[in-house]
Amino acid sequence: MLYLIAGLALIAAGIAMLIKPRLVFELTESWKHDGGTEPSNLFLFSTRFGGVMCTLAGLCSVIVPFIS
């Protein structure tokens, strides 16, 4: 049961990171800068990549208990 809940949380976080990387920037990094700075292209890419990895890990943790 715990794998299902953790997997769904990872899937939700991964999809949010994949679709809205600027929101992740606003929540985590914007307080460190004065003025209206935008996230770099590298930050956007790495956030999207992390979103894909979180989504895949969440899918694996949901699927694995049903295999055995």
C-alpha atoms as a PDB file:
ATOM      1  CA  MET A   1       0.000   0.000   0.000  1.00  0.00           C
ATOM      2  CA  LEU A   2       2.864   2.342   0.836  1.00  0.00           C
ATOM      3  CA  TYR A   3       4.452   1.745  -2.572  1.00  0.00           C
ATOM      4  CA  LEU A   4       1.207   2.777  -4.251  1.00  0.00           C
ATOM      5  CA  ILE A   5       0.921   6.033  -2.301  1.00  0.00           C
ATOM      6  CA  ALA A   6       4.604   6.901  -2.745  1.00  0.00           C
ATOM      7  CA  GLY A   7       4.416   5.986  -6.431  1.00  0.00           C
ATOM      8  CA  LEU A   8       1.399   8.193  -7.021  1.00  0.00           C
ATOM      9  CA  ALA A   9       3.112  11.071  -5.194  1.00  0.00           C
ATOM     10  CA  LEU A  10       6.228  10.645  -7.366  1.00  0.00           C
ATOM     11  CA  ILE A  11       4.116  10.530 -10.515  1.00  0.00           C
ATOM     12  CA  ALA A  12       2.277  13.722  -9.529  1.00  0.00           C
ATOM     13  CA  ALA A  13       5.510  15.541  -8.662  1.00  0.00           C
ATOM     14  CA  GLY A  14       7.180  14.347 -11.851  1.00  0.00           C
ATOM     15  CA  ILE A  15       4.333  15.467 -14.074  1.00  0.00           C
ATOM     16  CA  ALA A  16       4.262  18.855 -12.343  1.00  0.00           C
ATOM     17  CA  MET A  17       8.014  19.233 -12.904  1.00  0.00           C
ATOM     18  CA  LEU A  18       7.642  18.181 -16.522  1.00  0.00           C
ATOM     19  CA  ILE A  19       4.747  20.479 -17.379  1.00  0.00           C
ATOM     20  CA  LYS A  20       5.485  23.536 -15.195  1.00  0.00           C
ATOM     21  CA  PRO A  21       9.236  23.892 -14.594  1.00  0.00           C
ATOM     22  CA  ARG A  22       8.835  27.653 -14.086  1.00  0.00           C
ATOM     23  CA  LEU A  23       6.534  26.976 -11.127  1.00  0.00           C
ATOM     24  CA  VAL A  24       9.270  24.818  -9.605  1.00  0.00           C
ATOM     25  CA  PHE A  25      11.670  27.742 -10.104  1.00  0.00           C
ATOM     26  CA  GLU A  26       9.250  30.137  -8.414  1.00  0.00           C
ATOM     27  CA  LEU A  27       8.795  27.811  -5.438  1.00  0.00           C
ATOM     28  CA  THR A  28      12.419  26.811  -4.925  1.00  0.00           C
ATOM     29  CA  GLU A  29      14.830  29.375  -6.385  1.00  0.00           C
ATOM     30  CA  SER A  30      13.166  32.756  -6.910  1.00  0.00           C
ATOM     31  CA  TRP A  31      13.637  33.873  -3.294  1.00  0.00           C
ATOM     32  CA  LYS A  32      17.396  33.818  -3.827  1.00  0.00           C
ATOM     33  CA  HIS A  33      17.334  36.581  -6.469  1.00  0.00           C
ATOM     34  CA  ASP A  34      16.440  40.262  -6.382  1.00  0.00           C
ATOM     35  CA  GLY A  35      14.209  41.435  -9.184  1.00  0.00           C
ATOM     36  CA  GLY A  36      12.452  39.462 -11.853  1.00  0.00           C
ATOM     37  CA  THR A  37      15.002  36.946 -13.003  1.00  0.00           C
ATOM     38  CA  GLU A  38      14.007  34.084 -15.247  1.00  0.00           C
ATOM     39  CA  PRO A  39      15.226  30.500 -14.920  1.00  0.00           C
ATOM     40  CA  SER A  40      18.089  29.513 -17.187  1.00  0.00           C
ATOM     41  CA  ASN A  41      17.670  27.049 -20.012  1.00  0.00           C
ATOM     42  CA  LEU A  42      19.814  24.560 -18.091  1.00  0.00           C
ATOM     43  CA  PHE A  43      17.528  24.836 -15.051  1.00  0.00           C
ATOM     44  CA  LEU A  44      14.459  24.242 -17.220  1.00  0.00           C
ATOM     45  CA  PHE A  45      16.081  21.241 -18.909  1.00  0.00           C
ATOM     46  CA  SER A  46      17.283  19.690 -15.653  1.00  0.00           C
ATOM     47  CA  THR A  47      13.891  20.195 -14.011  1.00  0.00           C
ATOM     48  CA  ARG A  48      12.132  18.530 -16.935  1.00  0.00           C
ATOM     49  CA  PHE A  49      14.665  15.684 -16.896  1.00  0.00           C
ATOM     50  CA  GLY A  50      14.107  15.251 -13.169  1.00  0.00           C
ATOM     51  CA  GLY A  51      10.364  15.211 -13.826  1.00  0.00           C
ATOM     52  CA  VAL A  52      10.768  12.374 -16.308  1.00  0.00           C
ATOM     53  CA  MET A  53      12.902  10.426 -13.837  1.00  0.00           C
ATOM     54  CA  CYS A  54      10.409  10.963 -10.990  1.00  0.00           C
ATOM     55  CA  THR A  55       7.539   9.862 -13.208  1.00  0.00           C
ATOM     56  CA  LEU A  56       9.388   6.709 -14.271  1.00  0.00           C
ATOM     57  CA  ALA A  57      10.326   5.879 -10.670  1.00  0.00           C
ATOM     58  CA  GLY A  58       6.720   6.400  -9.608  1.00  0.00           C
ATOM     59  CA  LEU A  59       5.442   4.145 -12.373  1.00  0.00           C
ATOM     60  CA  CYS A  60       7.931   1.441 -11.394  1.00  0.00           C
ATOM     61  CA  SER A  61       6.926   1.603  -7.736  1.00  0.00           C
ATOM     62  CA  VAL A  62       3.265   1.259  -8.691  1.00  0.00           C
ATOM     63  CA  ILE A  63       3.809  -1.592 -11.155  1.00  0.00           C
ATOM     64  CA  VAL A  64       6.381  -3.737  -9.293  1.00  0.00           C
ATOM     65  CA  PRO A  65       4.034  -5.005  -6.505  1.00  0.00           C
ATOM     66  CA  PHE A  66       1.666  -6.397  -9.159  1.00  0.00           C
ATOM     67  CA  ILE A  67       4.394  -8.376 -10.931  1.00  0.00           C
ATOM     68  CA  SER A  68       5.207 -10.801  -8.126  1.00  0.00           C
END
